[in-house]
Amino acid sequence: MVRRGSIAPVSAFTGRSGRRRRTRRPHAVRVTAPLRAALPGAAVQVDTLHATLCPGKRVRHFTAIDRI
């Protein structure tokens, strides 16, 4: 049997608090300067669409456009 006060929380050992911080994910980043592509396929624009058709049925649609 272990006494209640003798067990330290795991966060005390790792140096973290019990909460997790939510990191910001970068989404689309605009290209401010005109993008020059030397070869076909060097600059491709990809668009995605996530759609729920009915409960339990999800569809993902990907469109890729070669911007040359």
N, C-alpha and C. Protein backbone atom coordinates (compact mmCIF):
# COMPACT_ATOMS: atom_id res chain seq x y z
N MET A 1 0.84 -1.17 0.00
CA MET A 1 0.00 0.00 0.00
C MET A 1 0.90 1.25 0.00
N VAL A 2 0.56 2.21 -0.79
CA VAL A 2 1.35 3.43 -0.93
C VAL A 2 0.56 4.58 -0.34
N ARG A 3 1.28 5.43 0.41
CA ARG A 3 0.60 6.60 0.99
C ARG A 3 0.24 7.59 -0.11
N ARG A 4 -0.78 8.33 0.13
CA ARG A 4 -1.30 9.27 -0.84
C ARG A 4 -0.30 10.38 -1.20
N GLY A 5 0.40 10.93 -0.24
CA GLY A 5 1.32 12.05 -0.48
C GLY A 5 2.67 11.63 -1.03
N SER A 6 2.94 10.32 -1.12
CA SER A 6 4.26 9.88 -1.57
C SER A 6 4.37 9.77 -3.09
N ILE A 7 3.28 9.83 -3.78
CA ILE A 7 3.31 9.73 -5.24
C ILE A 7 3.18 11.13 -5.82
N ALA A 8 4.20 11.54 -6.59
CA ALA A 8 4.17 12.86 -7.21
C ALA A 8 3.51 12.75 -8.58
N PRO A 9 2.84 13.78 -9.00
CA PRO A 9 2.24 13.74 -10.34
C PRO A 9 3.31 13.65 -11.42
N VAL A 10 2.96 13.07 -12.55
CA VAL A 10 3.89 12.92 -13.66
C VAL A 10 4.34 14.28 -14.17
N SER A 11 3.46 15.28 -14.12
CA SER A 11 3.82 16.60 -14.62
C SER A 11 4.95 17.22 -13.81
N ALA A 12 5.12 16.82 -12.56
CA ALA A 12 6.22 17.35 -11.76
C ALA A 12 7.56 16.86 -12.30
N PHE A 13 7.58 15.65 -12.85
CA PHE A 13 8.82 15.11 -13.40
C PHE A 13 9.11 15.64 -14.79
N THR A 14 8.09 15.85 -15.59
CA THR A 14 8.30 16.30 -16.97
C THR A 14 8.42 17.80 -17.07
N GLY A 15 8.01 18.54 -16.05
CA GLY A 15 8.10 19.99 -16.09
C GLY A 15 6.93 20.64 -16.80
N ARG A 16 5.93 19.88 -17.13
CA ARG A 16 4.76 20.42 -17.83
C ARG A 16 3.57 20.49 -16.89
N SER A 17 2.70 21.39 -17.18
CA SER A 17 1.44 21.39 -16.44
C SER A 17 0.54 20.34 -17.09
N GLY A 18 -0.56 20.05 -16.48
CA GLY A 18 -1.44 19.02 -16.99
C GLY A 18 -2.15 19.40 -18.27
N ARG A 19 -2.16 20.67 -18.64
CA ARG A 19 -2.88 21.12 -19.83
C ARG A 19 -1.97 21.14 -21.04
N ARG A 20 -2.55 20.88 -22.16
CA ARG A 20 -1.81 20.98 -23.42
C ARG A 20 -2.18 22.27 -24.10
N ARG A 21 -1.19 22.90 -24.69
CA ARG A 21 -1.47 24.10 -25.47
C ARG A 21 -1.79 23.70 -26.89
N ARG A 22 -2.73 24.38 -27.46
CA ARG A 22 -3.10 24.11 -28.84
C ARG A 22 -2.22 24.95 -29.75
N THR A 23 -1.46 24.28 -30.59
CA THR A 23 -0.57 25.02 -31.49
C THR A 23 -1.34 25.45 -32.72
N ARG A 24 -1.02 26.63 -33.20
CA ARG A 24 -1.67 27.15 -34.40
C ARG A 24 -1.06 26.49 -35.62
N ARG A 25 -1.89 25.90 -36.44
CA ARG A 25 -1.44 25.27 -37.67
C ARG A 25 -1.51 26.26 -38.80
N PRO A 26 -0.43 26.45 -39.53
CA PRO A 26 -0.51 27.36 -40.67
C PRO A 26 -1.34 26.72 -41.79
N HIS A 27 -2.27 27.45 -42.30
CA HIS A 27 -3.06 26.95 -43.41
C HIS A 27 -2.46 27.50 -44.70
N ALA A 28 -3.25 27.93 -45.60
CA ALA A 28 -2.76 28.42 -46.87
C ALA A 28 -1.91 29.67 -46.68
N VAL A 29 -0.78 29.70 -47.33
CA VAL A 29 0.12 30.84 -47.26
C VAL A 29 0.17 31.48 -48.64
N ARG A 30 -0.14 32.77 -48.69
CA ARG A 30 -0.14 33.47 -49.98
C ARG A 30 1.28 33.72 -50.45
N VAL A 31 1.47 33.59 -51.75
CA VAL A 31 2.75 33.93 -52.37
C VAL A 31 2.61 35.37 -52.86
N THR A 32 3.41 36.27 -52.31
CA THR A 32 3.26 37.68 -52.65
C THR A 32 3.92 38.01 -53.99
N ALA A 33 5.08 37.41 -54.27
CA ALA A 33 5.76 37.66 -55.54
C ALA A 33 5.27 36.66 -56.58
N PRO A 34 5.32 37.02 -57.86
CA PRO A 34 4.91 36.06 -58.89
C PRO A 34 5.82 34.84 -58.87
N LEU A 35 5.20 33.69 -58.92
CA LEU A 35 5.95 32.44 -58.84
C LEU A 35 6.37 32.02 -60.24
N ARG A 36 7.66 31.88 -60.46
CA ARG A 36 8.19 31.46 -61.75
C ARG A 36 8.52 29.98 -61.71
N ALA A 37 7.97 29.23 -62.63
CA ALA A 37 8.23 27.80 -62.71
C ALA A 37 9.07 27.51 -63.93
N ALA A 38 10.15 26.78 -63.74
CA ALA A 38 11.04 26.45 -64.85
C ALA A 38 10.50 25.28 -65.67
N LEU A 39 9.86 24.34 -65.02
CA LEU A 39 9.35 23.15 -65.69
C LEU A 39 7.88 22.93 -65.35
N PRO A 40 7.16 22.26 -66.23
CA PRO A 40 5.78 21.91 -65.88
C PRO A 40 5.76 21.02 -64.63
N GLY A 41 4.87 21.31 -63.72
CA GLY A 41 4.78 20.56 -62.48
C GLY A 41 5.57 21.17 -61.35
N ALA A 42 6.32 22.24 -61.62
CA ALA A 42 7.12 22.88 -60.57
C ALA A 42 6.25 23.74 -59.66
N ALA A 43 5.18 24.30 -60.18
CA ALA A 43 4.26 25.11 -59.37
C ALA A 43 2.85 24.56 -59.56
N VAL A 44 2.37 23.83 -58.58
CA VAL A 44 1.05 23.20 -58.65
C VAL A 44 0.18 23.75 -57.54
N GLN A 45 -1.03 24.16 -57.90
CA GLN A 45 -2.00 24.63 -56.93
C GLN A 45 -2.93 23.48 -56.58
N VAL A 46 -3.08 23.18 -55.29
CA VAL A 46 -3.92 22.08 -54.86
C VAL A 46 -5.06 22.65 -54.01
N ASP A 47 -6.29 22.32 -54.38
CA ASP A 47 -7.47 22.71 -53.62
C ASP A 47 -8.12 21.45 -53.07
N THR A 48 -8.63 21.54 -51.85
CA THR A 48 -9.30 20.39 -51.24
C THR A 48 -10.69 20.78 -50.79
N LEU A 49 -11.58 19.83 -50.81
CA LEU A 49 -12.94 20.02 -50.35
C LEU A 49 -13.31 18.81 -49.50
N HIS A 50 -13.74 19.05 -48.27
CA HIS A 50 -14.21 17.99 -47.38
C HIS A 50 -15.70 18.17 -47.24
N ALA A 51 -16.46 17.17 -47.67
CA ALA A 51 -17.91 17.28 -47.63
C ALA A 51 -18.52 16.07 -46.94
N THR A 52 -19.57 16.31 -46.17
CA THR A 52 -20.33 15.23 -45.54
C THR A 52 -21.65 15.12 -46.30
N LEU A 53 -21.83 14.02 -47.00
CA LEU A 53 -23.03 13.83 -47.81
C LEU A 53 -24.22 13.47 -46.94
N CYS A 54 -24.04 12.54 -46.05
CA CYS A 54 -25.07 12.16 -45.10
C CYS A 54 -24.34 11.68 -43.84
N PRO A 55 -25.02 11.51 -42.74
CA PRO A 55 -24.32 11.08 -41.53
C PRO A 55 -23.54 9.77 -41.77
N GLY A 56 -22.27 9.83 -41.51
CA GLY A 56 -21.42 8.65 -41.68
C GLY A 56 -20.78 8.52 -43.05
N LYS A 57 -21.11 9.39 -43.99
CA LYS A 57 -20.56 9.31 -45.34
C LYS A 57 -19.82 10.60 -45.65
N ARG A 58 -18.48 10.56 -45.61
CA ARG A 58 -17.66 11.74 -45.89
C ARG A 58 -16.91 11.54 -47.19
N VAL A 59 -16.76 12.63 -47.93
CA VAL A 59 -16.08 12.60 -49.22
C VAL A 59 -15.02 13.68 -49.22
N ARG A 60 -13.86 13.35 -49.79
CA ARG A 60 -12.80 14.35 -49.97
C ARG A 60 -12.53 14.48 -51.46
N HIS A 61 -12.48 15.73 -51.92
CA HIS A 61 -12.25 16.00 -53.34
C HIS A 61 -10.99 16.84 -53.47
N PHE A 62 -10.05 16.37 -54.26
CA PHE A 62 -8.79 17.08 -54.47
C PHE A 62 -8.71 17.53 -55.93
N THR A 63 -8.33 18.79 -56.15
CA THR A 63 -8.13 19.33 -57.49
C THR A 63 -6.74 19.90 -57.55
N ALA A 64 -5.96 19.49 -58.54
CA ALA A 64 -4.62 20.01 -58.73
C ALA A 64 -4.55 20.71 -60.08
N ILE A 65 -4.01 21.94 -60.09
CA ILE A 65 -3.89 22.74 -61.30
C ILE A 65 -2.43 23.12 -61.47
N ASP A 66 -1.89 22.86 -62.64
CA ASP A 66 -0.51 23.24 -62.94
C ASP A 66 -0.50 24.69 -63.38
N ARG A 67 0.12 25.55 -62.58
CA ARG A 67 0.14 26.99 -62.85
C ARG A 67 1.41 27.39 -63.60
N ILE A 68 1.45 27.08 -64.89
CA ILE A 68 2.62 27.49 -65.69
C ILE A 68 2.20 28.41 -66.82
